[in-house]
Amino acid sequence: MKDIKVLGGCCGNCDTVMKMIETQSKDLGIEIKLQ
């Protein structure tokens, strides 16, 4: 499991947000890392 914060916290949909970000980053040809 990845530990990801989205806009300061998660609202129970981390997996959805993660997949969305991964899909978008692949479409853009870049790798996005959130800290």
N, C-alpha and C. Protein backbone atom coordinates (compact mmCIF):
# COMPACT_ATOMS: atom_id res chain seq x y z
N MET A 1 0.85 -1.21 0.00
CA MET A 1 0.00 0.00 0.00
C MET A 1 0.87 1.25 0.00
N LYS A 2 0.45 2.20 -0.81
CA LYS A 2 1.14 3.49 -0.81
C LYS A 2 0.46 4.41 0.19
N ASP A 3 1.27 5.23 0.83
CA ASP A 3 0.71 6.20 1.77
C ASP A 3 0.62 7.53 1.05
N ILE A 4 -0.59 7.94 0.70
CA ILE A 4 -0.77 9.13 -0.13
C ILE A 4 -1.69 10.11 0.56
N LYS A 5 -1.28 11.37 0.52
CA LYS A 5 -2.16 12.44 1.01
C LYS A 5 -2.62 13.24 -0.19
N VAL A 6 -3.91 13.49 -0.28
CA VAL A 6 -4.45 14.30 -1.36
C VAL A 6 -5.08 15.54 -0.74
N LEU A 7 -4.52 16.70 -1.05
CA LEU A 7 -5.03 17.96 -0.51
C LEU A 7 -5.12 17.89 1.01
N GLY A 8 -4.09 17.33 1.64
CA GLY A 8 -4.01 17.35 3.09
C GLY A 8 -4.68 16.17 3.77
N GLY A 9 -5.34 15.31 3.01
CA GLY A 9 -5.96 14.17 3.67
C GLY A 9 -6.82 13.38 2.71
N CYS A 10 -7.28 12.22 3.17
CA CYS A 10 -8.12 11.36 2.35
C CYS A 10 -9.51 11.28 2.94
N CYS A 11 -10.47 11.08 2.07
CA CYS A 11 -11.85 10.97 2.53
C CYS A 11 -12.40 9.59 2.23
N GLY A 12 -11.53 8.57 2.30
CA GLY A 12 -11.98 7.20 2.10
C GLY A 12 -11.96 6.77 0.65
N ASN A 13 -11.50 7.64 -0.26
CA ASN A 13 -11.46 7.26 -1.67
C ASN A 13 -10.05 7.38 -2.21
N CYS A 14 -9.08 7.04 -1.37
CA CYS A 14 -7.67 7.13 -1.78
C CYS A 14 -7.41 6.28 -3.03
N ASP A 15 -7.97 5.07 -3.06
CA ASP A 15 -7.72 4.19 -4.20
C ASP A 15 -8.22 4.82 -5.49
N THR A 16 -9.39 5.41 -5.43
CA THR A 16 -9.96 6.05 -6.62
C THR A 16 -9.09 7.21 -7.06
N VAL A 17 -8.70 8.05 -6.11
CA VAL A 17 -7.87 9.21 -6.43
C VAL A 17 -6.52 8.76 -6.98
N MET A 18 -5.95 7.72 -6.36
CA MET A 18 -4.67 7.20 -6.79
C MET A 18 -4.74 6.72 -8.24
N LYS A 19 -5.77 5.93 -8.56
CA LYS A 19 -5.91 5.42 -9.92
C LYS A 19 -6.11 6.56 -10.90
N MET A 20 -6.88 7.56 -10.50
CA MET A 20 -7.13 8.71 -11.36
C MET A 20 -5.83 9.44 -11.66
N ILE A 21 -5.03 9.67 -10.61
CA ILE A 21 -3.76 10.38 -10.77
C ILE A 21 -2.79 9.56 -11.62
N GLU A 22 -2.73 8.26 -11.36
CA GLU A 22 -1.83 7.40 -12.14
C GLU A 22 -2.22 7.41 -13.61
N THR A 23 -3.52 7.33 -13.88
CA THR A 23 -4.00 7.34 -15.27
C THR A 23 -3.64 8.66 -15.94
N GLN A 24 -3.91 9.76 -15.26
CA GLN A 24 -3.62 11.07 -15.84
C GLN A 24 -2.13 11.25 -16.08
N SER A 25 -1.31 10.81 -15.11
CA SER A 25 0.13 10.99 -15.25
C SER A 25 0.67 10.15 -16.41
N LYS A 26 0.10 8.96 -16.61
CA LYS A 26 0.54 8.12 -17.73
C LYS A 26 0.12 8.76 -19.05
N ASP A 27 -1.07 9.36 -19.07
CA ASP A 27 -1.52 10.04 -20.29
C ASP A 27 -0.60 11.20 -20.63
N LEU A 28 -0.07 11.87 -19.60
CA LEU A 28 0.82 13.00 -19.82
C LEU A 28 2.26 12.56 -20.06
N GLY A 29 2.51 11.28 -19.84
CA GLY A 29 3.85 10.77 -20.06
C GLY A 29 4.81 11.13 -18.94
N ILE A 30 4.27 11.40 -17.77
CA ILE A 30 5.13 11.75 -16.64
C ILE A 30 4.76 10.90 -15.44
N GLU A 31 5.63 10.94 -14.44
CA GLU A 31 5.36 10.19 -13.22
C GLU A 31 5.12 11.20 -12.10
N ILE A 32 3.99 11.07 -11.43
CA ILE A 32 3.63 12.01 -10.37
C ILE A 32 3.81 11.33 -9.03
N LYS A 33 4.54 11.98 -8.15
CA LYS A 33 4.73 11.45 -6.79
C LYS A 33 4.19 12.47 -5.81
N LEU A 34 3.25 12.04 -4.98
CA LEU A 34 2.69 12.92 -3.97
C LEU A 34 3.34 12.62 -2.64
N GLN A 35 3.60 13.68 -1.87
CA GLN A 35 4.22 13.49 -0.57
C GLN A 35 3.37 14.11 0.51
